[in-house]
Amino acid sequence: MHSEPVASRSADPRNGHGNGSSPTIDAVSLAIIEQLQEDGRRPYAAIGKAVGLSEAAVRQRVQKLLDQGVMQIVAVTDPLTVGFRRQAMVGINIEGDLDSVADALTEMDECEYVVMTAGSFDLMVEVVCEDDDHLLDVINKRIRALPGVRSTESFVYLKLKKQTYMWGTR
């Protein structure tokens, strides 16, 4: 397998580079990522066999990818099975600085996803709550109370049809 450098699509400055530049990922590292996306518990020896590296070399590359913030290895749960019965996407319009509101939202445990957007909303936030009362409290008393929040619109999830993290490395 050849090792052409590939620029990461992540623009996240937490990627381990102080200058905010994206790490360079070669084809072998991309293949390792794909192996782990199929099974996050796949042994390094099996990954090494699939990508043409030793177990030790795979272990080093995986650690580097983790350290750079390119990927995470986590257990993904179904929120309903672990006590979170209400999920919603909340569109938020802001007056002033988006960063300060986005930073405050990232500190809330209930906010699983915070993204700055172009379009009808300045921010979109996925909120995972125990029930409707909890969701109401988060939106009404915490999100709307943040300085700069002008308005919110909630999109309550009725049924989750697909949730996957298997988009590959294209």
Protein backbone atom coordinates (compact mmCIF):
# COMPACT_ATOMS: atom_id res chain seq x y z
CA MET A 1 0.00 0.00 0.00
CA HIS A 2 1.42 3.42 -0.94
CA SER A 3 1.57 6.30 1.51
CA GLU A 4 0.49 9.46 -0.27
CA PRO A 5 -0.18 12.27 2.20
CA VAL A 6 -3.83 13.24 2.56
CA ALA A 7 -4.91 16.43 4.30
CA SER A 8 -7.35 15.90 7.12
CA ARG A 9 -10.81 17.40 6.67
CA SER A 10 -10.76 18.51 10.30
CA ALA A 11 -10.29 22.22 10.85
CA ASP A 12 -10.36 21.71 14.62
CA PRO A 13 -7.42 23.52 16.22
CA ARG A 14 -7.32 20.83 18.95
CA ASN A 15 -5.66 18.45 16.46
CA GLY A 16 -2.32 18.63 18.21
CA HIS A 17 -0.78 21.34 16.05
CA GLY A 18 -0.34 24.65 17.85
CA ASN A 19 -0.64 26.60 14.59
CA GLY A 20 -4.15 25.28 13.83
CA SER A 21 -3.05 23.45 10.67
CA SER A 22 -4.52 20.05 9.89
CA PRO A 23 -2.36 16.96 10.33
CA THR A 24 -1.27 15.11 7.20
CA ILE A 25 -2.63 11.58 7.04
CA ASP A 26 -1.21 9.02 4.63
CA ALA A 27 -3.11 6.19 2.94
CA VAL A 28 -1.94 3.62 5.51
CA SER A 29 -3.29 5.69 8.39
CA LEU A 30 -6.56 6.13 6.51
CA ALA A 31 -6.76 2.35 6.11
CA ILE A 32 -6.17 1.93 9.86
CA ILE A 33 -8.99 4.39 10.58
CA GLU A 34 -11.32 2.43 8.27
CA GLN A 35 -10.43 -0.80 10.07
CA LEU A 36 -11.26 0.78 13.43
CA GLN A 37 -14.51 2.26 12.11
CA GLU A 38 -15.61 -1.25 11.20
CA ASP A 39 -14.68 -2.54 14.68
CA GLY A 40 -13.16 -0.28 17.32
CA ARG A 41 -12.00 -3.36 19.25
CA ARG A 42 -10.19 -4.97 16.31
CA PRO A 43 -6.76 -6.21 17.48
CA TYR A 44 -3.72 -4.27 16.28
CA ALA A 45 -2.27 -7.51 14.86
CA ALA A 46 -5.34 -8.00 12.64
CA ILE A 47 -5.22 -4.37 11.52
CA GLY A 48 -1.52 -4.73 10.79
CA LYS A 49 -2.16 -7.77 8.60
CA ALA A 50 -4.87 -5.88 6.68
CA VAL A 51 -2.74 -2.78 6.08
CA GLY A 52 0.71 -4.33 5.77
CA LEU A 53 2.29 -3.16 9.05
CA SER A 54 3.51 -4.78 12.23
CA GLU A 55 1.34 -4.74 15.34
CA ALA A 56 3.77 -2.28 16.97
CA ALA A 57 3.66 0.08 13.98
CA VAL A 58 -0.16 0.05 14.04
CA ARG A 59 -0.13 0.76 17.79
CA GLN A 60 2.17 3.77 17.22
CA ARG A 61 0.07 5.14 14.38
CA VAL A 62 -3.18 4.75 16.32
CA GLN A 63 -1.68 6.58 19.30
CA LYS A 64 -0.48 9.39 17.02
CA LEU A 65 -3.95 9.70 15.43
CA LEU A 66 -5.49 9.86 18.90
CA ASP A 67 -2.93 12.42 20.12
CA GLN A 68 -3.51 14.62 17.06
CA GLY A 69 -7.27 14.58 17.60
CA VAL A 70 -7.84 12.95 14.20
CA MET A 71 -10.03 10.26 15.77
CA GLN A 72 -11.44 8.94 19.01
CA ILE A 73 -12.21 5.39 20.01
CA VAL A 74 -15.42 5.41 22.04
CA ALA A 75 -18.47 3.30 22.83
CA VAL A 76 -21.53 4.71 21.05
CA THR A 77 -24.77 4.10 22.94
CA ASP A 78 -28.43 4.31 22.04
CA PRO A 79 -29.58 7.18 24.30
CA LEU A 80 -32.97 5.54 24.88
CA THR A 81 -31.40 2.43 26.40
CA VAL A 82 -29.34 4.41 28.91
CA GLY A 83 -32.10 6.66 30.28
CA PHE A 84 -32.19 9.59 27.85
CA ARG A 85 -35.73 9.57 26.46
CA ARG A 86 -35.73 12.99 24.77
CA GLN A 87 -33.43 14.30 22.05
CA ALA A 88 -33.78 17.49 20.07
CA MET A 89 -31.89 19.65 17.63
CA VAL A 90 -32.05 23.29 18.65
CA GLY A 91 -31.47 26.07 16.15
CA ILE A 92 -30.19 29.23 17.82
CA ASN A 93 -29.95 32.80 16.55
CA ILE A 94 -27.33 34.99 18.19
CA GLU A 95 -26.73 38.71 18.59
CA GLY A 96 -23.04 39.46 18.70
CA ASP A 97 -20.21 37.00 19.12
CA LEU A 98 -21.00 33.39 18.15
CA ASP A 99 -17.88 32.00 19.80
CA SER A 100 -18.83 32.96 23.34
CA VAL A 101 -22.27 31.34 23.05
CA ALA A 102 -20.85 28.25 21.30
CA ASP A 103 -18.22 27.92 24.04
CA ALA A 104 -20.88 28.13 26.76
CA LEU A 105 -22.96 25.47 25.01
CA THR A 106 -20.02 23.09 24.73
CA GLU A 107 -19.72 23.23 28.53
CA MET A 108 -23.29 21.91 28.99
CA ASP A 109 -23.38 18.13 29.46
CA GLU A 110 -26.70 17.88 27.60
CA CYS A 111 -25.26 19.46 24.43
CA GLU A 112 -23.71 16.62 22.45
CA TYR A 113 -23.11 18.50 19.22
CA VAL A 114 -22.52 22.21 18.71
CA VAL A 115 -21.91 23.63 15.24
CA MET A 116 -21.77 27.12 13.75
CA THR A 117 -23.86 27.27 10.60
CA ALA A 118 -24.75 29.45 7.66
CA GLY A 119 -28.44 29.83 6.91
CA SER A 120 -31.49 30.27 9.12
CA PHE A 121 -29.61 29.65 12.37
CA ASP A 122 -26.25 30.79 13.67
CA LEU A 123 -25.78 27.65 15.77
CA MET A 124 -27.27 24.16 15.77
CA VAL A 125 -27.07 22.14 18.98
CA GLU A 126 -28.07 18.54 19.58
CA VAL A 127 -29.47 18.15 23.08
CA VAL A 128 -29.89 14.81 24.86
CA CYS A 129 -32.14 14.85 27.94
CA GLU A 130 -33.82 12.46 30.36
CA ASP A 131 -37.36 13.62 29.56
CA ASP A 132 -39.46 16.57 28.35
CA ASP A 133 -39.13 18.45 31.66
CA HIS A 134 -35.36 18.19 31.47
CA LEU A 135 -35.40 19.40 27.84
CA LEU A 136 -37.62 22.36 28.78
CA ASP A 137 -35.25 23.27 31.61
CA VAL A 138 -32.18 23.11 29.35
CA ILE A 139 -33.75 25.23 26.61
CA ASN A 140 -35.70 27.72 28.73
CA LYS A 141 -33.46 28.24 31.74
CA ARG A 142 -30.00 27.54 30.36
CA ILE A 143 -29.75 28.05 26.60
CA ARG A 144 -32.13 31.03 26.34
CA ALA A 145 -30.51 32.59 29.41
CA LEU A 146 -27.10 32.82 27.74
CA PRO A 147 -26.04 36.39 26.88
CA GLY A 148 -26.40 36.94 23.13
CA VAL A 149 -29.10 34.31 22.49
CA ARG A 150 -31.83 36.06 20.54
CA SER A 151 -34.11 33.11 19.69
CA THR A 152 -34.29 29.34 19.56
CA GLU A 153 -36.28 26.81 17.56
CA SER A 154 -36.49 23.22 18.75
CA PHE A 155 -36.79 20.14 16.59
CA VAL A 156 -37.77 17.29 18.91
CA TYR A 157 -36.80 13.82 17.72
CA LEU A 158 -39.81 11.52 17.48
CA LYS A 159 -37.90 8.49 16.25
CA LEU A 160 -34.25 7.96 15.45
CA LYS A 161 -34.02 6.07 12.17
CA LYS A 162 -30.27 6.16 11.58
CA GLN A 163 -27.23 7.13 13.59
CA THR A 164 -23.86 6.06 12.30
CA TYR A 165 -20.26 7.11 12.42
CA MET A 166 -19.21 4.95 9.47
CA TRP A 167 -18.68 7.67 6.86
CA GLY A 168 -15.26 6.30 6.00
CA THR A 169 -12.20 8.27 5.02
CA ARG A 170 -13.02 9.08 1.37
